[in-house]
Structure formats: structure tokens, C-alpha cells
Amino acid sequence: MKKEFFAKAKRDIESAGIRILEAEYRPEISKSWHIIVDNDPLLRISWDGDSCWFVLEEELPALTKGPRIWRDIWIGENPDARCIDRGVVILIGKCRGEITEFKRQKP
């Protein structure tokens, strides 16, 4: 999605009082981006520009030192701003303990 959607997602997360640990916009990789927030477990939202999927993931405990392992907990398949807004709302709700169940968004 456009860099503006990435910037808005960051603003919305920070406005909710959630600390962002990492935020990266990658225009050279299909305009993909991700944001990792401080939570237990860590949560990450990602936009994949190739597949037009917006994904909310949680980090799984690692058995060894190495790259992080992520598990999808919500996937939005509508490539528009509403999909991203919904994903950010779910991320915030998960961080606050208000959301525990997830349903895949229908295209």
C-alpha cells in the first residue's frame, strides 16, 4: 500500500499508547512494510505488496537462538485502507487484552 497507509498505521498505534519496536517501509520490495509492537508475545503487522495481504502475527517462543518465528492470527485480504485500519484496531485490542478470538476477513 502507499507509504501514507504505513504512516497512518504507525500514528494510530502510537496514539493508542503502544510502543513500536520496529517499523520498516520497503519500497524496493513491492512497497511492503511491517510494524512490530511491544507486547507479550510480540505482535507484528505486515503488508505484502505482492500478494495484497495484510497480516497480524504473533511471535512464537524460539527453541534456539535465531530468527523470530511468527504465527498468523488475522489475515485481511482486501487491499484497501479499511483493511489496514481494521488490522490496526485488532492489534490495539490484542495489546490491551480486549480481543482474544480472530476471524479471517472475507475478501
PDB file of N, CA and C in Angstrom:
ATOM      1  N   MET A   1       0.853  -1.171   0.000  1.00  0.00           N
ATOM      2  CA  MET A   1       0.000   0.000   0.000  1.00  0.00           C
ATOM      3  C   MET A   1       0.896   1.229   0.000  1.00  0.00           C
ATOM      4  N   LYS A   2       0.289   2.332  -0.174  1.00  0.00           N
ATOM      5  CA  LYS A   2       1.035   3.569  -0.219  1.00  0.00           C
ATOM      6  C   LYS A   2       1.719   3.841   1.118  1.00  0.00           C
ATOM      7  N   LYS A   3       2.787   4.591   1.045  1.00  0.00           N
ATOM      8  CA  LYS A   3       3.533   4.931   2.256  1.00  0.00           C
ATOM      9  C   LYS A   3       2.641   5.675   3.252  1.00  0.00           C
ATOM     10  N   GLU A   4       1.621   6.371   2.764  1.00  0.00           N
ATOM     11  CA  GLU A   4       0.708   7.098   3.651  1.00  0.00           C
ATOM     12  C   GLU A   4      -0.040   6.141   4.581  1.00  0.00           C
ATOM     13  N   PHE A   5      -0.396   4.954   4.075  1.00  0.00           N
ATOM     14  CA  PHE A   5      -1.090   3.978   4.918  1.00  0.00           C
ATOM     15  C   PHE A   5      -0.169   3.448   6.007  1.00  0.00           C
ATOM     16  N   PHE A   6       1.102   3.248   5.668  1.00  0.00           N
ATOM     17  CA  PHE A   6       2.109   2.837   6.642  1.00  0.00           C
ATOM     18  C   PHE A   6       2.236   3.910   7.734  1.00  0.00           C
ATOM     19  N   ALA A   7       2.358   5.154   7.319  1.00  0.00           N
ATOM     20  CA  ALA A   7       2.500   6.258   8.276  1.00  0.00           C
ATOM     21  C   ALA A   7       1.268   6.379   9.169  1.00  0.00           C
ATOM     22  N   LYS A   8       0.075   6.207   8.598  1.00  0.00           N
ATOM     23  CA  LYS A   8      -1.155   6.286   9.392  1.00  0.00           C
ATOM     24  C   LYS A   8      -1.226   5.148  10.408  1.00  0.00           C
ATOM     25  N   ALA A   9      -0.852   3.946   9.998  1.00  0.00           N
ATOM     26  CA  ALA A   9      -0.854   2.813  10.927  1.00  0.00           C
ATOM     27  C   ALA A   9       0.076   3.098  12.101  1.00  0.00           C
ATOM     28  N   LYS A  10       1.259   3.626  11.822  1.00  0.00           N
ATOM     29  CA  LYS A  10       2.199   3.975  12.896  1.00  0.00           C
ATOM     30  C   LYS A  10       1.592   5.013  13.847  1.00  0.00           C
ATOM     31  N   ARG A  11       0.999   6.066  13.279  1.00  0.00           N
ATOM     32  CA  ARG A  11       0.384   7.118  14.110  1.00  0.00           C
ATOM     33  C   ARG A  11      -0.722   6.554  14.984  1.00  0.00           C
ATOM     34  N   ASP A  12      -1.587   5.711  14.405  1.00  0.00           N
ATOM     35  CA  ASP A  12      -2.709   5.148  15.158  1.00  0.00           C
ATOM     36  C   ASP A  12      -2.214   4.274  16.309  1.00  0.00           C
ATOM     37  N   ILE A  13      -1.188   3.488  16.064  1.00  0.00           N
ATOM     38  CA  ILE A  13      -0.633   2.618  17.106  1.00  0.00           C
ATOM     39  C   ILE A  13      -0.021   3.461  18.219  1.00  0.00           C
ATOM     40  N   GLU A  14       0.785   4.434  17.853  1.00  0.00           N
ATOM     41  CA  GLU A  14       1.421   5.292  18.859  1.00  0.00           C
ATOM     42  C   GLU A  14       0.389   6.108  19.631  1.00  0.00           C
ATOM     43  N   SER A  15      -0.658   6.578  18.945  1.00  0.00           N
ATOM     44  CA  SER A  15      -1.717   7.347  19.614  1.00  0.00           C
ATOM     45  C   SER A  15      -2.456   6.510  20.646  1.00  0.00           C
ATOM     46  N   ALA A  16      -2.475   5.182  20.449  1.00  0.00           N
ATOM     47  CA  ALA A  16      -3.121   4.281  21.407  1.00  0.00           C
ATOM     48  C   ALA A  16      -2.211   3.976  22.593  1.00  0.00           C
ATOM     49  N   GLY A  17      -0.997   4.545  22.589  1.00  0.00           N
ATOM     50  CA  GLY A  17      -0.081   4.344  23.704  1.00  0.00           C
ATOM     51  C   GLY A  17       0.715   3.044  23.620  1.00  0.00           C
ATOM     52  N   ILE A  18       0.774   2.455  22.440  1.00  0.00           N
ATOM     53  CA  ILE A  18       1.505   1.206  22.251  1.00  0.00           C
ATOM     54  C   ILE A  18       2.878   1.529  21.668  1.00  0.00           C
ATOM     55  N   ARG A  19       3.893   0.940  22.263  1.00  0.00           N
ATOM     56  CA  ARG A  19       5.264   1.225  21.847  1.00  0.00           C
ATOM     57  C   ARG A  19       5.648   0.400  20.623  1.00  0.00           C
ATOM     58  N   ILE A  20       6.138   1.091  19.611  1.00  0.00           N
ATOM     59  CA  ILE A  20       6.622   0.442  18.394  1.00  0.00           C
ATOM     60  C   ILE A  20       8.096   0.111  18.588  1.00  0.00           C
ATOM     61  N   LEU A  21       8.444  -1.155  18.375  1.00  0.00           N
ATOM     62  CA  LEU A  21       9.825  -1.590  18.491  1.00  0.00           C
ATOM     63  C   LEU A  21      10.571  -1.493  17.157  1.00  0.00           C
ATOM     64  N   GLU A  22       9.835  -1.702  16.076  1.00  0.00           N
ATOM     65  CA  GLU A  22      10.448  -1.673  14.748  1.00  0.00           C
ATOM     66  C   GLU A  22       9.372  -1.318  13.733  1.00  0.00           C
ATOM     67  N   ALA A  23       9.732  -0.460  12.794  1.00  0.00           N
ATOM     68  CA  ALA A  23       8.815  -0.098  11.711  1.00  0.00           C
ATOM     69  C   ALA A  23       9.657   0.111  10.465  1.00  0.00           C
ATOM     70  N   GLU A  24       9.313  -0.621   9.419  1.00  0.00           N
ATOM     71  CA  GLU A  24      10.118  -0.549   8.204  1.00  0.00           C
ATOM     72  C   GLU A  24       9.235  -0.564   6.964  1.00  0.00           C
ATOM     73  N   TYR A  25       9.449   0.419   6.113  1.00  0.00           N
ATOM     74  CA  TYR A  25       8.777   0.506   4.818  1.00  0.00           C
ATOM     75  C   TYR A  25       9.796   0.126   3.755  1.00  0.00           C
ATOM     76  N   ARG A  26       9.450  -0.830   2.883  1.00  0.00           N
ATOM     77  CA  ARG A  26      10.395  -1.350   1.892  1.00  0.00           C
ATOM     78  C   ARG A  26       9.863  -1.118   0.472  1.00  0.00           C
ATOM     79  N   PRO A  27      10.038   0.068  -0.074  1.00  0.00           N
ATOM     80  CA  PRO A  27       9.510   0.333  -1.413  1.00  0.00           C
ATOM     81  C   PRO A  27      10.141  -0.553  -2.486  1.00  0.00           C
ATOM     82  N   GLU A  28      11.360  -0.993  -2.242  1.00  0.00           N
ATOM     83  CA  GLU A  28      12.039  -1.835  -3.235  1.00  0.00           C
ATOM     84  C   GLU A  28      11.508  -3.264  -3.254  1.00  0.00           C
ATOM     85  N   ILE A  29      10.746  -3.649  -2.237  1.00  0.00           N
ATOM     86  CA  ILE A  29      10.158  -4.990  -2.179  1.00  0.00           C
ATOM     87  C   ILE A  29       8.640  -4.833  -2.266  1.00  0.00           C
ATOM     88  N   SER A  30       8.161  -4.527  -3.436  1.00  0.00           N
ATOM     89  CA  SER A  30       6.718  -4.407  -3.716  1.00  0.00           C
ATOM     90  C   SER A  30       5.997  -3.467  -2.764  1.00  0.00           C
ATOM     91  N   LYS A  31       6.688  -2.455  -2.285  1.00  0.00           N
ATOM     92  CA  LYS A  31       6.102  -1.498  -1.339  1.00  0.00           C
ATOM     93  C   LYS A  31       5.552  -2.206  -0.094  1.00  0.00           C
ATOM     94  N   SER A  32       6.258  -3.233   0.332  1.00  0.00           N
ATOM     95  CA  SER A  32       5.866  -3.970   1.532  1.00  0.00           C
ATOM     96  C   SER A  32       6.346  -3.224   2.772  1.00  0.00           C
ATOM     97  N   TRP A  33       5.709  -3.502   3.897  1.00  0.00           N
ATOM     98  CA  TRP A  33       6.120  -2.889   5.155  1.00  0.00           C
ATOM     99  C   TRP A  33       5.675  -3.733   6.330  1.00  0.00           C
ATOM    100  N   HIS A  34       6.277  -3.449   7.506  1.00  0.00           N
ATOM    101  CA  HIS A  34       5.869  -4.120   8.732  1.00  0.00           C
ATOM    102  C   HIS A  34       6.095  -3.209   9.924  1.00  0.00           C
ATOM    103  N   ILE A  35       5.352  -3.495  10.989  1.00  0.00           N
ATOM    104  CA  ILE A  35       5.498  -2.789  12.259  1.00  0.00           C
ATOM    105  C   ILE A  35       5.436  -3.843  13.356  1.00  0.00           C
ATOM    106  N   ILE A  36       6.430  -3.836  14.256  1.00  0.00           N
ATOM    107  CA  ILE A  36       6.457  -4.740  15.399  1.00  0.00           C
ATOM    108  C   ILE A  36       6.212  -3.908  16.656  1.00  0.00           C
ATOM    109  N   VAL A  37       5.290  -4.378  17.504  1.00  0.00           N
ATOM    110  CA  VAL A  37       4.958  -3.632  18.715  1.00  0.00           C
ATOM    111  C   VAL A  37       5.336  -4.428  19.957  1.00  0.00           C
ATOM    112  N   ASP A  38       5.546  -3.687  21.034  1.00  0.00           N
ATOM    113  CA  ASP A  38       5.928  -4.254  22.321  1.00  0.00           C
ATOM    114  C   ASP A  38       4.706  -4.881  22.981  1.00  0.00           C
ATOM    115  N   ASN A  39       4.703  -6.171  23.080  1.00  0.00           N
ATOM    116  CA  ASN A  39       3.611  -6.935  23.683  1.00  0.00           C
ATOM    117  C   ASN A  39       4.202  -8.273  24.096  1.00  0.00           C
ATOM    118  N   ASP A  40       3.470  -9.027  24.880  1.00  0.00           N
ATOM    119  CA  ASP A  40       3.907 -10.376  25.239  1.00  0.00           C
ATOM    120  C   ASP A  40       2.825 -11.360  24.828  1.00  0.00           C
ATOM    121  N   PRO A  41       2.997 -12.067  23.715  1.00  0.00           N
ATOM    122  CA  PRO A  41       4.152 -12.083  22.815  1.00  0.00           C
ATOM    123  C   PRO A  41       4.187 -10.851  21.907  1.00  0.00           C
ATOM    124  N   LEU A  42       5.352 -10.633  21.280  1.00  0.00           N
ATOM    125  CA  LEU A  42       5.457  -9.536  20.326  1.00  0.00           C
ATOM    126  C   LEU A  42       4.405  -9.707  19.237  1.00  0.00           C
ATOM    127  N   LEU A  43       3.914  -8.585  18.729  1.00  0.00           N
ATOM    128  CA  LEU A  43       2.949  -8.606  17.621  1.00  0.00           C
ATOM    129  C   LEU A  43       3.534  -7.844  16.445  1.00  0.00           C
ATOM    130  N   ARG A  44       3.197  -8.311  15.249  1.00  0.00           N
ATOM    131  CA  ARG A  44       3.679  -7.654  14.032  1.00  0.00           C
ATOM    132  C   ARG A  44       2.527  -7.557  13.040  1.00  0.00           C
ATOM    133  N   ILE A  45       2.395  -6.380  12.416  1.00  0.00           N
ATOM    134  CA  ILE A  45       1.500  -6.245  11.273  1.00  0.00           C
ATOM    135  C   ILE A  45       2.381  -6.065  10.047  1.00  0.00           C
ATOM    136  N   SER A  46       1.954  -6.687   8.951  1.00  0.00           N
ATOM    137  CA  SER A  46       2.730  -6.624   7.715  1.00  0.00           C
ATOM    138  C   SER A  46       1.802  -6.440   6.529  1.00  0.00           C
ATOM    139  N   TRP A  47       2.264  -5.652   5.581  1.00  0.00           N
ATOM    140  CA  TRP A  47       1.589  -5.539   4.300  1.00  0.00           C
ATOM    141  C   TRP A  47       2.503  -6.160   3.267  1.00  0.00           C
ATOM    142  N   ASP A  48       2.011  -7.162   2.546  1.00  0.00           N
ATOM    143  CA  ASP A  48       2.762  -7.805   1.485  1.00  0.00           C
ATOM    144  C   ASP A  48       2.235  -7.264   0.158  1.00  0.00           C
ATOM    145  N   GLY A  49       3.036  -6.447  -0.492  1.00  0.00           N
ATOM    146  CA  GLY A  49       2.615  -5.804  -1.726  1.00  0.00           C
ATOM    147  C   GLY A  49       2.393  -6.763  -2.880  1.00  0.00           C
ATOM    148  N   ASP A  50       3.095  -7.901  -2.892  1.00  0.00           N
ATOM    149  CA  ASP A  50       2.907  -8.872  -3.977  1.00  0.00           C
ATOM    150  C   ASP A  50       1.569  -9.580  -3.884  1.00  0.00           C
ATOM    151  N   SER A  51       1.238 -10.061  -2.709  1.00  0.00           N
ATOM    152  CA  SER A  51       0.006 -10.838  -2.550  1.00  0.00           C
ATOM    153  C   SER A  51      -1.191  -9.982  -2.152  1.00  0.00           C
ATOM    154  N   CYS A  52      -0.956  -8.711  -1.834  1.00  0.00           N
ATOM    155  CA  CYS A  52      -2.014  -7.801  -1.378  1.00  0.00           C
ATOM    156  C   CYS A  52      -2.709  -8.353  -0.132  1.00  0.00           C
ATOM    157  N   TRP A  53      -1.917  -8.854   0.786  1.00  0.00           N
ATOM    158  CA  TRP A  53      -2.442  -9.353   2.057  1.00  0.00           C
ATOM    159  C   TRP A  53      -1.883  -8.513   3.190  1.00  0.00           C
ATOM    160  N   PHE A  54      -2.753  -8.268   4.152  1.00  0.00           N
ATOM    161  CA  PHE A  54      -2.376  -7.585   5.377  1.00  0.00           C
ATOM    162  C   PHE A  54      -2.482  -8.616   6.499  1.00  0.00           C
ATOM    163  N   VAL A  55      -1.414  -8.817   7.246  1.00  0.00           N
ATOM    164  CA  VAL A  55      -1.357  -9.907   8.218  1.00  0.00           C
ATOM    165  C   VAL A  55      -0.985  -9.369   9.599  1.00  0.00           C
ATOM    166  N   LEU A  56      -1.695  -9.879  10.610  1.00  0.00           N
ATOM    167  CA  LEU A  56      -1.340  -9.658  12.010  1.00  0.00           C
ATOM    168  C   LEU A  56      -0.767 -10.974  12.517  1.00  0.00           C
ATOM    169  N   GLU A  57       0.432 -10.908  13.086  1.00  0.00           N
ATOM    170  CA  GLU A  57       1.120 -12.112  13.546  1.00  0.00           C
ATOM    171  C   GLU A  57       1.583 -11.939  14.987  1.00  0.00           C
ATOM    172  N   GLU A  58       1.760 -13.078  15.665  1.00  0.00           N
ATOM    173  CA  GLU A  58       2.367 -13.044  16.989  1.00  0.00           C
ATOM    174  C   GLU A  58       3.613 -13.908  16.964  1.00  0.00           C
ATOM    175  N   GLU A  59       4.586 -13.495  17.780  1.00  0.00           N
ATOM    176  CA  GLU A  59       5.840 -14.228  17.835  1.00  0.00           C
ATOM    177  C   GLU A  59       5.659 -15.497  18.655  1.00  0.00           C
ATOM    178  N   LEU A  60       6.206 -16.588  18.144  1.00  0.00           N
ATOM    179  CA  LEU A  60       6.209 -17.847  18.881  1.00  0.00           C
ATOM    180  C   LEU A  60       7.522 -17.974  19.636  1.00  0.00           C
ATOM    181  N   PRO A  61       7.495 -18.649  20.785  1.00  0.00           N
ATOM    182  CA  PRO A  61       8.751 -18.827  21.520  1.00  0.00           C
ATOM    183  C   PRO A  61       9.754 -19.612  20.670  1.00  0.00           C
ATOM    184  N   ALA A  62      10.972 -19.152  20.668  1.00  0.00           N
ATOM    185  CA  ALA A  62      12.020 -19.830  19.899  1.00  0.00           C
ATOM    186  C   ALA A  62      12.668 -20.917  20.753  1.00  0.00           C
ATOM    187  N   LEU A  63      12.962 -22.031  20.127  1.00  0.00           N
ATOM    188  CA  LEU A  63      13.648 -23.113  20.828  1.00  0.00           C
ATOM    189  C   LEU A  63      15.148 -22.879  20.850  1.00  0.00           C
ATOM    190  N   THR A  64      15.643 -22.161  19.868  1.00  0.00           N
ATOM    191  CA  THR A  64      17.066 -21.839  19.796  1.00  0.00           C
ATOM    192  C   THR A  64      17.202 -20.379  19.400  1.00  0.00           C
ATOM    193  N   LYS A  65      18.421 -19.878  19.528  1.00  0.00           N
ATOM    194  CA  LYS A  65      18.666 -18.510  19.068  1.00  0.00           C
ATOM    195  C   LYS A  65      18.650 -18.505  17.551  1.00  0.00           C
ATOM    196  N   GLY A  66      18.037 -17.533  16.997  1.00  0.00           N
ATOM    197  CA  GLY A  66      17.937 -17.434  15.546  1.00  0.00           C
ATOM    198  C   GLY A  66      16.858 -16.451  15.177  1.00  0.00           C
ATOM    199  N   PRO A  67      16.403 -16.515  13.941  1.00  0.00           N
ATOM    200  CA  PRO A  67      15.366 -15.574  13.512  1.00  0.00           C
ATOM    201  C   PRO A  67      14.056 -15.810  14.264  1.00  0.00           C
ATOM    202  N   ARG A  68      13.303 -14.750  14.382  1.00  0.00           N
ATOM    203  CA  ARG A  68      11.996 -14.855  15.028  1.00  0.00           C
ATOM    204  C   ARG A  68      11.071 -15.753  14.209  1.00  0.00           C
ATOM    205  N   ILE A  69      10.175 -16.428  14.920  1.00  0.00           N
ATOM    206  CA  ILE A  69       9.167 -17.270  14.277  1.00  0.00           C
ATOM    207  C   ILE A  69       7.820 -16.625  14.541  1.00  0.00           C
ATOM    208  N   TRP A  70       7.040 -16.423  13.481  1.00  0.00           N
ATOM    209  CA  TRP A  70       5.764 -15.732  13.583  1.00  0.00           C
ATOM    210  C   TRP A  70       4.625 -16.663  13.187  1.00  0.00           C
ATOM    211  N   ARG A  71       3.480 -16.467  13.851  1.00  0.00           N
ATOM    212  CA  ARG A  71       2.260 -17.221  13.534  1.00  0.00           C
ATOM    213  C   ARG A  71       1.174 -16.227  13.159  1.00  0.00           C
ATOM    214  N   ASP A  72       0.535 -16.454  12.002  1.00  0.00           N
ATOM    215  CA  ASP A  72      -0.569 -15.594  11.568  1.00  0.00           C
ATOM    216  C   ASP A  72      -1.737 -15.755  12.536  1.00  0.00           C
ATOM    217  N   ILE A  73      -2.308 -14.628  12.975  1.00  0.00           N
ATOM    218  CA  ILE A  73      -3.507 -14.708  13.807  1.00  0.00           C
ATOM    219  C   ILE A  73      -4.694 -13.980  13.172  1.00  0.00           C
ATOM    220  N   TRP A  74      -4.442 -13.140  12.167  1.00  0.00           N
ATOM    221  CA  TRP A  74      -5.520 -12.484  11.422  1.00  0.00           C
ATOM    222  C   TRP A  74      -4.974 -12.085  10.062  1.00  0.00           C
ATOM    223  N   ILE A  75      -5.731 -12.361   9.019  1.00  0.00           N
ATOM    224  CA  ILE A  75      -5.328 -12.009   7.657  1.00  0.00           C
ATOM    225  C   ILE A  75      -6.444 -11.213   7.010  1.00  0.00           C
ATOM    226  N   GLY A  76      -6.107 -10.063   6.497  1.00  0.00           N
ATOM    227  CA  GLY A  76      -7.050  -9.257   5.736  1.00  0.00           C
ATOM    228  C   GLY A  76      -6.660  -9.302   4.271  1.00  0.00           C
ATOM    229  N   GLU A  77      -7.556  -9.721   3.429  1.00  0.00           N
ATOM    230  CA  GLU A  77      -7.229  -9.901   2.020  1.00  0.00           C
ATOM    231  C   GLU A  77      -7.764  -8.790   1.125  1.00  0.00           C
ATOM    232  N   ASN A  78      -8.297  -7.747   1.695  1.00  0.00           N
ATOM    233  CA  ASN A  78      -8.796  -6.629   0.893  1.00  0.00           C
ATOM    234  C   ASN A  78      -7.715  -5.564   0.814  1.00  0.00           C
ATOM    235  N   PRO A  79      -7.191  -5.312  -0.362  1.00  0.00           N
ATOM    236  CA  PRO A  79      -6.091  -4.359  -0.473  1.00  0.00           C
ATOM    237  C   PRO A  79      -6.558  -2.904  -0.445  1.00  0.00           C
ATOM    238  N   ASP A  80      -7.066  -2.468   0.702  1.00  0.00           N
ATOM    239  CA  ASP A  80      -7.503  -1.081   0.806  1.00  0.00           C
ATOM    240  C   ASP A  80      -7.252  -0.562   2.216  1.00  0.00           C
ATOM    241  N   ALA A  81      -7.492   0.717   2.415  1.00  0.00           N
ATOM    242  CA  ALA A  81      -7.215   1.359   3.697  1.00  0.00           C
ATOM    243  C   ALA A  81      -8.093   0.806   4.812  1.00  0.00           C
ATOM    244  N   ARG A  82      -9.331   0.399   4.511  1.00  0.00           N
ATOM    245  CA  ARG A  82     -10.202  -0.152   5.561  1.00  0.00           C
ATOM    246  C   ARG A  82      -9.623  -1.430   6.145  1.00  0.00           C
ATOM    247  N   CYS A  83      -9.033  -2.246   5.313  1.00  0.00           N
ATOM    248  CA  CYS A  83      -8.407  -3.486   5.768  1.00  0.00           C
ATOM    249  C   CYS A  83      -7.281  -3.170   6.747  1.00  0.00           C
ATOM    250  N   ILE A  84      -6.457  -2.207   6.420  1.00  0.00           N
ATOM    251  CA  ILE A  84      -5.356  -1.827   7.296  1.00  0.00           C
ATOM    252  C   ILE A  84      -5.891  -1.226   8.589  1.00  0.00           C
ATOM    253  N   ASP A  85      -6.888  -0.354   8.498  1.00  0.00           N
ATOM    254  CA  ASP A  85      -7.483   0.227   9.704  1.00  0.00           C
ATOM    255  C   ASP A  85      -8.032  -0.861  10.617  1.00  0.00           C
ATOM    256  N   ARG A  86      -8.720  -1.843  10.051  1.00  0.00           N
ATOM    257  CA  ARG A  86      -9.274  -2.954  10.838  1.00  0.00           C
ATOM    258  C   ARG A  86      -8.160  -3.757  11.504  1.00  0.00           C
ATOM    259  N   GLY A  87      -7.091  -4.020  10.760  1.00  0.00           N
ATOM    260  CA  GLY A  87      -5.955  -4.744  11.328  1.00  0.00           C
ATOM    261  C   GLY A  87      -5.307  -3.994  12.477  1.00  0.00           C
ATOM    262  N   VAL A  88      -5.189  -2.681  12.352  1.00  0.00           N
ATOM    263  CA  VAL A  88      -4.604  -1.869  13.430  1.00  0.00           C
ATOM    264  C   VAL A  88      -5.513  -1.891  14.655  1.00  0.00           C
ATOM    265  N   VAL A  89      -6.827  -1.800  14.455  1.00  0.00           N
ATOM    266  CA  VAL A  89      -7.779  -1.874  15.577  1.00  0.00           C
ATOM    267  C   VAL A  89      -7.643  -3.222  16.295  1.00  0.00           C
ATOM    268  N   ILE A  90      -7.511  -4.294  15.532  1.00  0.00           N
ATOM    269  CA  ILE A  90      -7.357  -5.618  16.132  1.00  0.00           C
ATOM    270  C   ILE A  90      -6.033  -5.707  16.889  1.00  0.00           C
ATOM    271  N   LEU A  91      -4.959  -5.179  16.324  1.00  0.00           N
ATOM    272  CA  LEU A  91      -3.664  -5.151  17.001  1.00  0.00           C
ATOM    273  C   LEU A  91      -3.763  -4.427  18.338  1.00  0.00           C
ATOM    274  N   ILE A  92      -4.391  -3.266  18.336  1.00  0.00           N
ATOM    275  CA  ILE A  92      -4.546  -2.479  19.563  1.00  0.00           C
ATOM    276  C   ILE A  92      -5.381  -3.250  20.574  1.00  0.00           C
ATOM    277  N   GLY A  93      -6.487  -3.848  20.133  1.00  0.00           N
ATOM    278  CA  GLY A  93      -7.330  -4.644  21.025  1.00  0.00           C
ATOM    279  C   GLY A  93      -6.585  -5.829  21.612  1.00  0.00           C
ATOM    280  N   LYS A  94      -5.741  -6.467  20.814  1.00  0.00           N
ATOM    281  CA  LYS A  94      -4.938  -7.599  21.295  1.00  0.00           C
ATOM    282  C   LYS A  94      -3.933  -7.127  22.343  1.00  0.00           C
ATOM    283  N   CYS A  95      -3.286  -6.001  22.120  1.00  0.00           N
ATOM    284  CA  CYS A  95      -2.325  -5.457  23.078  1.00  0.00           C
ATOM    285  C   CYS A  95      -2.994  -5.107  24.407  1.00  0.00           C
ATOM    286  N   ARG A  96      -4.226  -4.644  24.342  1.00  0.00           N
ATOM    287  CA  ARG A  96      -4.961  -4.261  25.551  1.00  0.00           C
ATOM    288  C   ARG A  96      -5.686  -5.441  26.195  1.00  0.00           C
ATOM    289  N   GLY A  97      -5.631  -6.608  25.573  1.00  0.00           N
ATOM    290  CA  GLY A  97      -6.312  -7.787  26.106  1.00  0.00           C
ATOM    291  C   GLY A  97      -7.801  -7.793  25.860  1.00  0.00           C
ATOM    292  N   GLU A  98      -8.280  -6.934  24.965  1.00  0.00           N
ATOM    293  CA  GLU A  98      -9.712  -6.829  24.674  1.00  0.00           C
ATOM    294  C   GLU A  98     -10.161  -7.820  23.595  1.00  0.00           C
ATOM    295  N   ILE A  99      -9.232  -8.288  22.774  1.00  0.00           N
ATOM    296  CA  ILE A  99      -9.554  -9.209  21.691  1.00  0.00           C
ATOM    297  C   ILE A  99      -8.752 -10.487  21.889  1.00  0.00           C
ATOM    298  N   THR A 100      -9.450 -11.617  21.891  1.00  0.00           N
ATOM    299  CA  THR A 100      -8.768 -12.899  22.049  1.00  0.00           C
ATOM    300  C   THR A 100      -9.080 -13.869  20.919  1.00  0.00           C
ATOM    301  N   GLU A 101     -10.178 -13.653  20.206  1.00  0.00           N
ATOM    302  CA  GLU A 101     -10.547 -14.523  19.093  1.00  0.00           C
ATOM    303  C   GLU A 101     -10.397 -13.758  17.786  1.00  0.00           C
ATOM    304  N   PHE A 102     -10.002 -14.501  16.762  1.00  0.00           N
ATOM    305  CA  PHE A 102      -9.755 -13.874  15.478  1.00  0.00           C
ATOM    306  C   PHE A 102     -10.476 -14.637  14.385  1.00  0.00           C
ATOM    307  N   LYS A 103     -11.096 -13.908  13.482  1.00  0.00           N
ATOM    308  CA  LYS A 103     -11.735 -14.498  12.316  1.00  0.00           C
ATOM    309  C   LYS A 103     -11.118 -13.897  11.075  1.00  0.00           C
ATOM    310  N   ARG A 104     -10.862 -14.734  10.106  1.00  0.00           N
ATOM    311  CA  ARG A 104     -10.293 -14.272   8.851  1.00  0.00           C
ATOM    312  C   ARG A 104     -11.263 -13.319   8.177  1.00  0.00           C
ATOM    313  N   GLN A 105     -10.753 -12.204   7.709  1.00  0.00           N
ATOM    314  CA  GLN A 105     -11.573 -11.245   6.994  1.00  0.00           C
ATOM    315  C   GLN A 105     -11.902 -11.806   5.628  1.00  0.00           C
ATOM    316  N   LYS A 106     -13.135 -11.654   5.214  1.00  0.00           N
ATOM    317  CA  LYS A 106     -13.541 -12.141   3.887  1.00  0.00           C
ATOM    318  C   LYS A 106     -13.209 -11.091   2.843  1.00  0.00           C
ATOM    319  N   PRO A 107     -12.774 -11.532   1.663  1.00  0.00           N
ATOM    320  CA  PRO A 107     -12.436 -10.565   0.607  1.00  0.00           C
ATOM    321  C   PRO A 107     -13.680  -9.879   0.064  1.00  0.00           C
TER     322      PRO A 107
END
